[in-house]
Full PDB file with SEQRES, HELIX, SHEET, SSBOND, CRYST1, ORIGX, SCALE, CONECT and MASTER records, all heavy atoms in Angstrom:
SEQRES   1 A   37  SER TRP GLY GLY PRO ARG THR TYR TYR ALA ASP SER VAL          
SEQRES   2 A   37  LYS GLY ARG PHE THR ILE SER ARG ASP ASN ALA LYS ASN          
SEQRES   3 A   37  THR VAL TYR LEU GLN MET ASN SER LEU LYS PRO                  
HELIX    1 AA1 ASN A   23  LYS A   25  5                                   3    
SHEET    1 AA1 2 PHE A  17  ASP A  22  0                                        
SHEET    2 AA1 2 THR A  27  MET A  32 -1                                        
CRYST1    1.000    1.000    1.000  90.00  90.00  90.00 P 1           1          
ORIGX1      1.000000  0.000000  0.000000        0.00000                         
ORIGX2      0.000000  1.000000  0.000000        0.00000                         
ORIGX3      0.000000  0.000000  1.000000        0.00000                         
SCALE1      1.000000  0.000000  0.000000        0.00000                         
SCALE2      0.000000  1.000000  0.000000        0.00000                         
SCALE3      0.000000  0.000000  1.000000        0.00000                         
ATOM      1  N   SER A   1     -17.916  29.462  40.953  1.00  0.00           N  
ATOM      2  CA  SER A   1     -19.165  29.133  40.393  1.00  0.00           C  
ATOM      3  C   SER A   1     -20.200  28.689  41.419  1.00  0.00           C  
ATOM      4  O   SER A   1     -19.899  28.491  42.583  1.00  0.00           O  
ATOM      5  CB  SER A   1     -18.917  27.977  39.404  1.00  0.00           C  
ATOM      6  OG  SER A   1     -18.551  26.774  40.127  1.00  0.00           O  
ATOM      7  N   TRP A   2     -21.445  28.627  40.957  1.00  0.00           N  
ATOM      8  CA  TRP A   2     -22.488  28.184  41.866  1.00  0.00           C  
ATOM      9  C   TRP A   2     -22.647  26.591  41.867  1.00  0.00           C  
ATOM     10  O   TRP A   2     -23.170  26.065  42.803  1.00  0.00           O  
ATOM     11  CB  TRP A   2     -23.821  28.897  41.615  1.00  0.00           C  
ATOM     12  CG  TRP A   2     -24.392  28.620  40.262  1.00  0.00           C  
ATOM     13  CD1 TRP A   2     -24.268  29.459  39.187  1.00  0.00           C  
ATOM     14  CD2 TRP A   2     -25.305  27.611  39.892  1.00  0.00           C  
ATOM     15  NE1 TRP A   2     -25.047  28.940  38.137  1.00  0.00           N  
ATOM     16  CE2 TRP A   2     -25.657  27.843  38.560  1.00  0.00           C  
ATOM     17  CE3 TRP A   2     -25.864  26.418  40.511  1.00  0.00           C  
ATOM     18  CZ2 TRP A   2     -26.530  27.004  37.824  1.00  0.00           C  
ATOM     19  CZ3 TRP A   2     -26.759  25.680  39.803  1.00  0.00           C  
ATOM     20  CH2 TRP A   2     -27.044  25.914  38.469  1.00  0.00           C  
ATOM     21  N   GLY A   3     -22.124  25.949  40.817  1.00  0.00           N  
ATOM     22  CA  GLY A   3     -22.158  24.519  40.727  1.00  0.00           C  
ATOM     23  C   GLY A   3     -20.743  23.949  41.040  1.00  0.00           C  
ATOM     24  O   GLY A   3     -19.802  24.529  40.612  1.00  0.00           O  
ATOM     25  N   GLY A   4     -20.628  22.872  41.657  1.00  0.00           N  
ATOM     26  CA  GLY A   4     -19.302  22.301  41.915  1.00  0.00           C  
ATOM     27  C   GLY A   4     -18.948  22.486  43.360  1.00  0.00           C  
ATOM     28  O   GLY A   4     -18.918  21.416  44.150  1.00  0.00           O  
ATOM     29  N   PRO A   5     -18.604  23.621  43.870  1.00  0.00           N  
ATOM     30  CA  PRO A   5     -18.250  24.796  43.095  1.00  0.00           C  
ATOM     31  C   PRO A   5     -16.810  24.782  42.562  1.00  0.00           C  
ATOM     32  O   PRO A   5     -16.000  23.992  43.078  1.00  0.00           O  
ATOM     33  CB  PRO A   5     -18.468  25.929  44.055  1.00  0.00           C  
ATOM     34  CG  PRO A   5     -18.102  25.360  45.367  1.00  0.00           C  
ATOM     35  CD  PRO A   5     -18.531  23.914  45.363  1.00  0.00           C  
ATOM     36  N   ARG A   6     -16.516  25.522  41.586  1.00  0.00           N  
ATOM     37  CA  ARG A   6     -15.252  25.635  41.052  1.00  0.00           C  
ATOM     38  C   ARG A   6     -14.706  26.999  41.349  1.00  0.00           C  
ATOM     39  O   ARG A   6     -15.479  27.939  41.388  1.00  0.00           O  
ATOM     40  CB  ARG A   6     -15.218  25.398  39.473  1.00  0.00           C  
ATOM     41  CG  ARG A   6     -15.520  23.984  39.100  1.00  0.00           C  
ATOM     42  CD  ARG A   6     -15.417  23.809  37.588  1.00  0.00           C  
ATOM     43  NE  ARG A   6     -15.731  22.404  37.242  1.00  0.00           N  
ATOM     44  CZ  ARG A   6     -15.698  22.020  35.967  1.00  0.00           C  
ATOM     45  NH1 ARG A   6     -15.372  22.817  34.995  1.00  0.00           N  
ATOM     46  NH2 ARG A   6     -16.035  20.732  35.672  1.00  0.00           N  
ATOM     47  N   THR A   7     -13.444  27.112  41.574  1.00  0.00           N  
ATOM     48  CA  THR A   7     -12.829  28.396  41.865  1.00  0.00           C  
ATOM     49  C   THR A   7     -11.848  28.795  40.747  1.00  0.00           C  
ATOM     50  O   THR A   7     -11.230  27.971  40.091  1.00  0.00           O  
ATOM     51  CB  THR A   7     -12.112  28.370  43.233  1.00  0.00           C  
ATOM     52  OG1 THR A   7     -11.119  27.367  43.210  1.00  0.00           O  
ATOM     53  CG2 THR A   7     -13.092  28.073  44.330  1.00  0.00           C  
ATOM     54  N   TYR A   8     -11.634  30.081  40.602  1.00  0.00           N  
ATOM     55  CA  TYR A   8     -10.823  30.630  39.553  1.00  0.00           C  
ATOM     56  C   TYR A   8     -10.146  31.789  40.125  1.00  0.00           C  
ATOM     57  O   TYR A   8     -10.640  32.631  40.912  1.00  0.00           O  
ATOM     58  CB  TYR A   8     -11.733  31.131  38.326  1.00  0.00           C  
ATOM     59  CG  TYR A   8     -12.596  30.082  37.784  1.00  0.00           C  
ATOM     60  CD1 TYR A   8     -13.841  29.749  38.334  1.00  0.00           C  
ATOM     61  CD2 TYR A   8     -12.230  29.346  36.655  1.00  0.00           C  
ATOM     62  CE1 TYR A   8     -14.673  28.779  37.773  1.00  0.00           C  
ATOM     63  CE2 TYR A   8     -13.039  28.335  36.102  1.00  0.00           C  
ATOM     64  CZ  TYR A   8     -14.223  28.109  36.668  1.00  0.00           C  
ATOM     65  OH  TYR A   8     -15.003  27.069  36.131  1.00  0.00           O  
ATOM     66  N   TYR A   9      -8.792  32.029  39.728  1.00  0.00           N  
ATOM     67  CA  TYR A   9      -7.983  33.032  40.310  1.00  0.00           C  
ATOM     68  C   TYR A   9      -7.112  33.730  39.235  1.00  0.00           C  
ATOM     69  O   TYR A   9      -6.696  33.049  38.269  1.00  0.00           O  
ATOM     70  CB  TYR A   9      -7.041  32.476  41.341  1.00  0.00           C  
ATOM     71  CG  TYR A   9      -7.747  31.846  42.509  1.00  0.00           C  
ATOM     72  CD1 TYR A   9      -8.031  30.457  42.556  1.00  0.00           C  
ATOM     73  CD2 TYR A   9      -8.153  32.603  43.542  1.00  0.00           C  
ATOM     74  CE1 TYR A   9      -8.663  29.922  43.651  1.00  0.00           C  
ATOM     75  CE2 TYR A   9      -8.820  32.121  44.727  1.00  0.00           C  
ATOM     76  CZ  TYR A   9      -9.052  30.737  44.727  1.00  0.00           C  
ATOM     77  OH  TYR A   9      -9.736  30.141  45.795  1.00  0.00           O  
ATOM     78  N   ALA A  10      -6.898  35.012  39.439  1.00  0.00           N  
ATOM     79  CA  ALA A  10      -5.889  35.685  38.640  1.00  0.00           C  
ATOM     80  C   ALA A  10      -4.600  35.097  39.034  1.00  0.00           C  
ATOM     81  O   ALA A  10      -4.328  34.773  40.160  1.00  0.00           O  
ATOM     82  CB  ALA A  10      -5.942  37.142  38.916  1.00  0.00           C  
ATOM     83  N   ASP A  11      -3.585  35.145  38.052  1.00  0.00           N  
ATOM     84  CA  ASP A  11      -2.253  34.653  38.315  1.00  0.00           C  
ATOM     85  C   ASP A  11      -1.620  35.359  39.482  1.00  0.00           C  
ATOM     86  O   ASP A  11      -0.782  34.810  40.247  1.00  0.00           O  
ATOM     87  CB  ASP A  11      -1.425  34.727  37.068  1.00  0.00           C  
ATOM     88  CG  ASP A  11      -1.819  33.706  35.989  1.00  0.00           C  
ATOM     89  OD1 ASP A  11      -2.519  32.752  36.390  1.00  0.00           O  
ATOM     90  OD2 ASP A  11      -1.487  33.900  34.810  1.00  0.00           O  
ATOM     91  N   SER A  12      -1.897  36.660  39.616  1.00  0.00           N  
ATOM     92  CA  SER A  12      -1.244  37.476  40.585  1.00  0.00           C  
ATOM     93  C   SER A  12      -1.579  37.137  42.014  1.00  0.00           C  
ATOM     94  O   SER A  12      -0.876  37.495  42.929  1.00  0.00           O  
ATOM     95  CB  SER A  12      -1.491  38.961  40.303  1.00  0.00           C  
ATOM     96  OG  SER A  12      -2.937  39.196  40.388  1.00  0.00           O  
ATOM     97  N   VAL A  13      -2.709  36.417  42.184  1.00  0.00           N  
ATOM     98  CA  VAL A  13      -3.162  36.070  43.592  1.00  0.00           C  
ATOM     99  C   VAL A  13      -3.192  34.586  43.809  1.00  0.00           C  
ATOM    100  O   VAL A  13      -3.445  34.172  44.987  1.00  0.00           O  
ATOM    101  CB  VAL A  13      -4.461  36.666  43.879  1.00  0.00           C  
ATOM    102  CG1 VAL A  13      -4.439  38.156  43.609  1.00  0.00           C  
ATOM    103  CG2 VAL A  13      -5.635  36.059  43.094  1.00  0.00           C  
ATOM    104  N   LYS A  14      -2.948  33.843  42.835  1.00  0.00           N  
ATOM    105  CA  LYS A  14      -3.001  32.369  42.971  1.00  0.00           C  
ATOM    106  C   LYS A  14      -2.067  31.924  44.015  1.00  0.00           C  
ATOM    107  O   LYS A  14      -0.909  32.261  43.994  1.00  0.00           O  
ATOM    108  CB  LYS A  14      -2.674  31.698  41.514  1.00  0.00           C  
ATOM    109  CG  LYS A  14      -3.285  30.321  41.425  1.00  0.00           C  
ATOM    110  CD  LYS A  14      -3.106  29.872  39.947  1.00  0.00           C  
ATOM    111  CE  LYS A  14      -3.969  30.711  38.992  1.00  0.00           C  
ATOM    112  NZ  LYS A  14      -3.911  30.242  37.620  1.00  0.00           N  
ATOM    113  N   GLY A  15      -2.546  31.010  44.906  1.00  0.00           N  
ATOM    114  CA  GLY A  15      -1.709  30.468  45.980  1.00  0.00           C  
ATOM    115  C   GLY A  15      -1.704  31.359  47.260  1.00  0.00           C  
ATOM    116  O   GLY A  15      -1.288  30.914  48.311  1.00  0.00           O  
ATOM    117  N   ARG A  16      -2.208  32.584  47.100  1.00  0.00           N  
ATOM    118  CA  ARG A  16      -2.275  33.486  48.289  1.00  0.00           C  
ATOM    119  C   ARG A  16      -3.697  33.773  48.712  1.00  0.00           C  
ATOM    120  O   ARG A  16      -4.004  33.985  49.879  1.00  0.00           O  
ATOM    121  CB  ARG A  16      -1.579  34.805  47.910  1.00  0.00           C  
ATOM    122  CG  ARG A  16      -0.044  34.618  47.595  1.00  0.00           C  
ATOM    123  CD  ARG A  16       0.604  35.945  47.435  1.00  0.00           C  
ATOM    124  NE  ARG A  16       0.033  36.777  46.343  1.00  0.00           N  
ATOM    125  CZ  ARG A  16      -0.533  37.976  46.560  1.00  0.00           C  
ATOM    126  NH1 ARG A  16      -0.522  38.553  47.808  1.00  0.00           N  
ATOM    127  NH2 ARG A  16      -0.998  38.697  45.551  1.00  0.00           N  
ATOM    128  N   PHE A  17      -4.653  33.869  47.690  1.00  0.00           N  
ATOM    129  CA  PHE A  17      -5.991  34.234  48.000  1.00  0.00           C  
ATOM    130  C   PHE A  17      -6.882  32.975  47.875  1.00  0.00           C  
ATOM    131  O   PHE A  17      -6.562  32.086  47.011  1.00  0.00           O  
ATOM    132  CB  PHE A  17      -6.490  35.242  47.049  1.00  0.00           C  
ATOM    133  CG  PHE A  17      -5.975  36.628  47.260  1.00  0.00           C  
ATOM    134  CD1 PHE A  17      -4.848  36.883  48.155  1.00  0.00           C  
ATOM    135  CD2 PHE A  17      -6.498  37.744  46.638  1.00  0.00           C  
ATOM    136  CE1 PHE A  17      -4.304  38.141  48.261  1.00  0.00           C  
ATOM    137  CE2 PHE A  17      -6.034  38.995  46.789  1.00  0.00           C  
ATOM    138  CZ  PHE A  17      -4.858  39.209  47.531  1.00  0.00           C  
ATOM    139  N   THR A  18      -7.884  32.928  48.630  1.00  0.00           N  
ATOM    140  CA  THR A  18      -8.886  31.786  48.559  1.00  0.00           C  
ATOM    141  C   THR A  18     -10.315  32.337  48.618  1.00  0.00           C  
ATOM    142  O   THR A  18     -10.685  33.129  49.500  1.00  0.00           O  
ATOM    143  CB  THR A  18      -8.743  30.782  49.732  1.00  0.00           C  
ATOM    144  OG1 THR A  18      -7.353  30.301  49.680  1.00  0.00           O  
ATOM    145  CG2 THR A  18      -9.738  29.628  49.566  1.00  0.00           C  
ATOM    146  N   ILE A  19     -11.089  32.006  47.543  1.00  0.00           N  
ATOM    147  CA  ILE A  19     -12.473  32.402  47.485  1.00  0.00           C  
ATOM    148  C   ILE A  19     -13.314  31.228  47.944  1.00  0.00           C  
ATOM    149  O   ILE A  19     -13.007  30.040  47.651  1.00  0.00           O  
ATOM    150  CB  ILE A  19     -12.844  32.854  46.126  1.00  0.00           C  
ATOM    151  CG1 ILE A  19     -14.312  33.532  46.150  1.00  0.00           C  
ATOM    152  CG2 ILE A  19     -12.747  31.723  45.122  1.00  0.00           C  
ATOM    153  CD1 ILE A  19     -14.640  34.137  44.806  1.00  0.00           C  
ATOM    154  N   SER A  20     -14.365  31.535  48.720  1.00  0.00           N  
ATOM    155  CA  SER A  20     -15.328  30.465  49.128  1.00  0.00           C  
ATOM    156  C   SER A  20     -16.667  31.015  49.249  1.00  0.00           C  
ATOM    157  O   SER A  20     -16.816  32.233  49.281  1.00  0.00           O  
ATOM    158  CB  SER A  20     -14.811  29.860  50.420  1.00  0.00           C  
ATOM    159  OG  SER A  20     -14.831  30.834  51.493  1.00  0.00           O  
ATOM    160  N   ARG A  21     -17.694  30.184  49.299  1.00  0.00           N  
ATOM    161  CA  ARG A  21     -19.040  30.657  49.531  1.00  0.00           C  
ATOM    162  C   ARG A  21     -19.784  29.719  50.438  1.00  0.00           C  
ATOM    163  O   ARG A  21     -19.540  28.506  50.483  1.00  0.00           O  
ATOM    164  CB  ARG A  21     -19.746  30.669  48.125  1.00  0.00           C  
ATOM    165  CG  ARG A  21     -19.918  29.385  47.430  1.00  0.00           C  
ATOM    166  CD  ARG A  21     -20.477  29.652  45.978  1.00  0.00           C  
ATOM    167  NE  ARG A  21     -21.777  30.210  45.978  1.00  0.00           N  
ATOM    168  CZ  ARG A  21     -22.195  30.876  44.858  1.00  0.00           C  
ATOM    169  NH1 ARG A  21     -21.552  30.917  43.760  1.00  0.00           N  
ATOM    170  NH2 ARG A  21     -23.465  31.335  44.910  1.00  0.00           N  
ATOM    171  N   ASP A  22     -20.611  30.357  51.215  1.00  0.00           N  
ATOM    172  CA  ASP A  22     -21.462  29.613  52.144  1.00  0.00           C  
ATOM    173  C   ASP A  22     -22.953  29.903  51.690  1.00  0.00           C  
ATOM    174  O   ASP A  22     -23.475  30.942  51.994  1.00  0.00           O  
ATOM    175  CB  ASP A  22     -21.231  30.084  53.553  1.00  0.00           C  
ATOM    176  CG  ASP A  22     -22.086  29.277  54.591  1.00  0.00           C  
ATOM    177  OD1 ASP A  22     -23.094  28.681  54.249  1.00  0.00           O  
ATOM    178  OD2 ASP A  22     -21.638  29.270  55.786  1.00  0.00           O  
ATOM    179  N   ASN A  23     -23.548  29.011  50.912  1.00  0.00           N  
ATOM    180  CA  ASN A  23     -24.837  29.238  50.390  1.00  0.00           C  
ATOM    181  C   ASN A  23     -25.889  29.368  51.568  1.00  0.00           C  
ATOM    182  O   ASN A  23     -26.948  30.012  51.288  1.00  0.00           O  
ATOM    183  CB  ASN A  23     -25.238  28.162  49.401  1.00  0.00           C  
ATOM    184  CG  ASN A  23     -24.467  28.260  48.114  1.00  0.00           C  
ATOM    185  OD1 ASN A  23     -23.982  29.360  47.781  1.00  0.00           O  
ATOM    186  ND2 ASN A  23     -24.310  27.192  47.408  1.00  0.00           N  
ATOM    187  N   ALA A  24     -25.678  28.661  52.595  1.00  0.00           N  
ATOM    188  CA  ALA A  24     -26.685  28.746  53.722  1.00  0.00           C  
ATOM    189  C   ALA A  24     -26.693  30.181  54.300  1.00  0.00           C  
ATOM    190  O   ALA A  24     -27.753  30.599  54.807  1.00  0.00           O  
ATOM    191  CB  ALA A  24     -26.350  27.764  54.817  1.00  0.00           C  
ATOM    192  N   LYS A  25     -25.592  30.956  54.208  1.00  0.00           N  
ATOM    193  CA  LYS A  25     -25.496  32.219  54.710  1.00  0.00           C  
ATOM    194  C   LYS A  25     -25.518  33.262  53.641  1.00  0.00           C  
ATOM    195  O   LYS A  25     -25.406  34.481  53.947  1.00  0.00           O  
ATOM    196  CB  LYS A  25     -24.179  32.433  55.551  1.00  0.00           C  
ATOM    197  CG  LYS A  25     -24.098  31.506  56.846  1.00  0.00           C  
ATOM    198  CD  LYS A  25     -22.853  31.777  57.550  1.00  0.00           C  
ATOM    199  CE  LYS A  25     -22.773  30.962  58.851  1.00  0.00           C  
ATOM    200  NZ  LYS A  25     -21.491  31.200  59.629  1.00  0.00           N  
ATOM    201  N   ASN A  26     -25.673  32.864  52.398  1.00  0.00           N  
ATOM    202  CA  ASN A  26     -25.738  33.726  51.250  1.00  0.00           C  
ATOM    203  C   ASN A  26     -24.481  34.729  51.349  1.00  0.00           C  
ATOM    204  O   ASN A  26     -24.548  35.869  51.070  1.00  0.00           O  
ATOM    205  CB  ASN A  26     -26.959  34.633  51.308  1.00  0.00           C  
ATOM    206  CG  ASN A  26     -28.173  33.870  50.756  1.00  0.00           C  
ATOM    207  OD1 ASN A  26     -28.040  32.682  50.371  1.00  0.00           O  
ATOM    208  ND2 ASN A  26     -29.303  34.486  50.723  1.00  0.00           N  
ATOM    209  N   THR A  27     -23.336  34.107  51.562  1.00  0.00           N  
ATOM    210  CA  THR A  27     -22.152  34.926  51.730  1.00  0.00           C  
ATOM    211  C   THR A  27     -21.000  34.280  51.023  1.00  0.00           C  
ATOM    212  O   THR A  27     -20.826  33.101  50.901  1.00  0.00           O  
ATOM    213  CB  THR A  27     -21.771  35.055  53.234  1.00  0.00           C  
ATOM    214  OG1 THR A  27     -22.889  35.697  53.913  1.00  0.00           O  
ATOM    215  CG2 THR A  27     -20.534  35.931  53.446  1.00  0.00           C  
ATOM    216  N   VAL A  28     -20.184  35.191  50.360  1.00  0.00           N  
ATOM    217  CA  VAL A  28     -18.948  34.793  49.718  1.00  0.00           C  
ATOM    218  C   VAL A  28     -17.773  35.489  50.469  1.00  0.00           C  
ATOM    219  O   VAL A  28     -17.955  36.570  50.913  1.00  0.00           O  
ATOM    220  CB  VAL A  28     -18.982  35.152  48.213  1.00  0.00           C  
ATOM    221  CG1 VAL A  28     -19.111  36.612  47.986  1.00  0.00           C  
ATOM    222  CG2 VAL A  28     -17.813  34.495  47.487  1.00  0.00           C  
ATOM    223  N   TYR A  29     -16.696  34.733  50.480  1.00  0.00           N  
ATOM    224  CA  TYR A  29     -15.533  35.256  51.273  1.00  0.00           C  
ATOM    225  C   TYR A  29     -14.314  35.259  50.286  1.00  0.00           C  
ATOM    226  O   TYR A  29     -14.189  34.543  49.315  1.00  0.00           O  
ATOM    227  CB  TYR A  29     -15.217  34.328  52.419  1.00  0.00           C  
ATOM    228  CG  TYR A  29     -16.364  34.097  53.368  1.00  0.00           C  
ATOM    229  CD1 TYR A  29     -17.176  33.027  53.228  1.00  0.00           C  
ATOM    230  CD2 TYR A  29     -16.634  35.051  54.348  1.00  0.00           C  
ATOM    231  CE1 TYR A  29     -18.252  32.816  54.069  1.00  0.00           C  
ATOM    232  CE2 TYR A  29     -17.687  34.847  55.231  1.00  0.00           C  
ATOM    233  CZ  TYR A  29     -18.453  33.726  55.143  1.00  0.00           C  
ATOM    234  OH  TYR A  29     -19.512  33.492  55.932  1.00  0.00           O  
ATOM    235  N   LEU A  30     -13.435  36.217  50.652  1.00  0.00           N  
ATOM    236  CA  LEU A  30     -12.094  36.175  50.000  1.00  0.00           C  
ATOM    237  C   LEU A  30     -11.067  36.278  51.125  1.00  0.00           C  
ATOM    238  O   LEU A  30     -10.922  37.332  51.803  1.00  0.00           O  
ATOM    239  CB  LEU A  30     -11.918  37.444  49.034  1.00  0.00           C  
ATOM    240  CG  LEU A  30     -10.628  37.417  48.326  1.00  0.00           C  
ATOM    241  CD1 LEU A  30     -10.597  36.266  47.310  1.00  0.00           C  
ATOM    242  CD2 LEU A  30     -10.423  38.758  47.556  1.00  0.00           C  
ATOM    243  N   GLN A  31     -10.419  35.152  51.375  1.00  0.00           N  
ATOM    244  CA  GLN A  31      -9.294  35.137  52.342  1.00  0.00           C  
ATOM    245  C   GLN A  31      -8.049  35.460  51.617  1.00  0.00           C  
ATOM    246  O   GLN A  31      -7.642  34.872  50.675  1.00  0.00           O  
ATOM    247  CB  GLN A  31      -9.201  33.700  52.959  1.00  0.00           C  
ATOM    248  CG  GLN A  31      -8.056  33.558  53.857  1.00  0.00           C  
ATOM    249  CD  GLN A  31      -8.263  34.373  55.153  1.00  0.00           C  
ATOM    250  OE1 GLN A  31      -9.330  34.381  55.693  1.00  0.00           O  
ATOM    251  NE2 GLN A  31      -7.146  35.002  55.663  1.00  0.00           N  
ATOM    252  N   MET A  32      -7.391  36.495  52.100  1.00  0.00           N  
ATOM    253  CA  MET A  32      -6.176  37.089  51.458  1.00  0.00           C  
ATOM    254  C   MET A  32      -4.993  36.881  52.443  1.00  0.00           C  
ATOM    255  O   MET A  32      -5.009  37.446  53.489  1.00  0.00           O  
ATOM    256  CB  MET A  32      -6.350  38.539  51.119  1.00  0.00           C  
ATOM    257  CG  MET A  32      -7.532  38.750  50.246  1.00  0.00           C  
ATOM    258  SD  MET A  32      -7.727  40.490  49.701  1.00  0.00           S  
ATOM    259  CE  MET A  32      -8.134  41.269  51.254  1.00  0.00           C  
ATOM    260  N   ASN A  33      -4.045  36.036  52.006  1.00  0.00           N  
ATOM    261  CA  ASN A  33      -2.812  35.811  52.801  1.00  0.00           C  
ATOM    262  C   ASN A  33      -1.609  36.350  52.119  1.00  0.00           C  
ATOM    263  O   ASN A  33      -1.624  36.570  50.867  1.00  0.00           O  
ATOM    264  CB  ASN A  33      -2.675  34.281  53.098  1.00  0.00           C  
ATOM    265  CG  ASN A  33      -3.866  33.811  53.883  1.00  0.00           C  
ATOM    266  OD1 ASN A  33      -4.435  34.463  54.672  1.00  0.00           O  
ATOM    267  ND2 ASN A  33      -4.193  32.533  53.644  1.00  0.00           N  
ATOM    268  N   SER A  34      -0.485  36.438  52.828  1.00  0.00           N  
ATOM    269  CA  SER A  34       0.727  36.870  52.222  1.00  0.00           C  
ATOM    270  C   SER A  34       0.607  38.141  51.337  1.00  0.00           C  
ATOM    271  O   SER A  34       0.994  38.253  50.246  1.00  0.00           O  
ATOM    272  CB  SER A  34       1.371  35.777  51.323  1.00  0.00           C  
ATOM    273  OG  SER A  34       1.590  34.583  52.085  1.00  0.00           O  
ATOM    274  N   LEU A  35      -0.145  39.042  51.947  1.00  0.00           N  
ATOM    275  CA  LEU A  35      -0.457  40.286  51.181  1.00  0.00           C  
ATOM    276  C   LEU A  35       0.800  41.116  50.811  1.00  0.00           C  
ATOM    277  O   LEU A  35       1.748  41.142  51.563  1.00  0.00           O  
ATOM    278  CB  LEU A  35      -1.451  41.144  51.972  1.00  0.00           C  
ATOM    279  CG  LEU A  35      -2.892  40.632  51.897  1.00  0.00           C  
ATOM    280  CD1 LEU A  35      -3.697  41.232  53.116  1.00  0.00           C  
ATOM    281  CD2 LEU A  35      -3.556  40.945  50.595  1.00  0.00           C  
ATOM    282  N   LYS A  36       0.702  41.790  49.649  1.00  0.00           N  
ATOM    283  CA  LYS A  36       1.791  42.596  49.089  1.00  0.00           C  
ATOM    284  C   LYS A  36       1.335  43.968  48.950  1.00  0.00           C  
ATOM    285  O   LYS A  36       0.107  44.242  48.741  1.00  0.00           O  
ATOM    286  CB  LYS A  36       2.285  42.034  47.823  1.00  0.00           C  
ATOM    287  CG  LYS A  36       2.671  40.511  47.841  1.00  0.00           C  
ATOM    288  CD  LYS A  36       2.984  40.023  46.442  1.00  0.00           C  
ATOM    289  CE  LYS A  36       3.423  38.547  46.437  1.00  0.00           C  
ATOM    290  NZ  LYS A  36       3.713  38.117  45.115  1.00  0.00           N  
ATOM    291  N   PRO A  37       2.198  44.913  48.963  1.00  0.00           N  
ATOM    292  CA  PRO A  37       1.781  46.300  48.683  1.00  0.00           C  
ATOM    293  C   PRO A  37       0.974  46.451  47.359  1.00  0.00           C  
ATOM    294  O   PRO A  37       0.060  47.285  47.276  1.00  0.00           O  
ATOM    295  CB  PRO A  37       3.128  47.089  48.620  1.00  0.00           C  
ATOM    296  CG  PRO A  37       3.962  46.317  49.556  1.00  0.00           C  
ATOM    297  CD  PRO A  37       3.630  44.891  49.314  1.00  0.00           C  
TER     298      PRO A  37                                                      
MASTER        0    0    0    1    2    0    0    6  297    1    0    3          
END                                                                             
């Protein structure tokens, strides 16, 4: 979300993926760890 911010995940990626945003850079990121096929 843009306020908070709050994060939300699909069950299939919870605990492995992290979403973040840097409003100063107008950029959102998705860090993906423990990737699976």
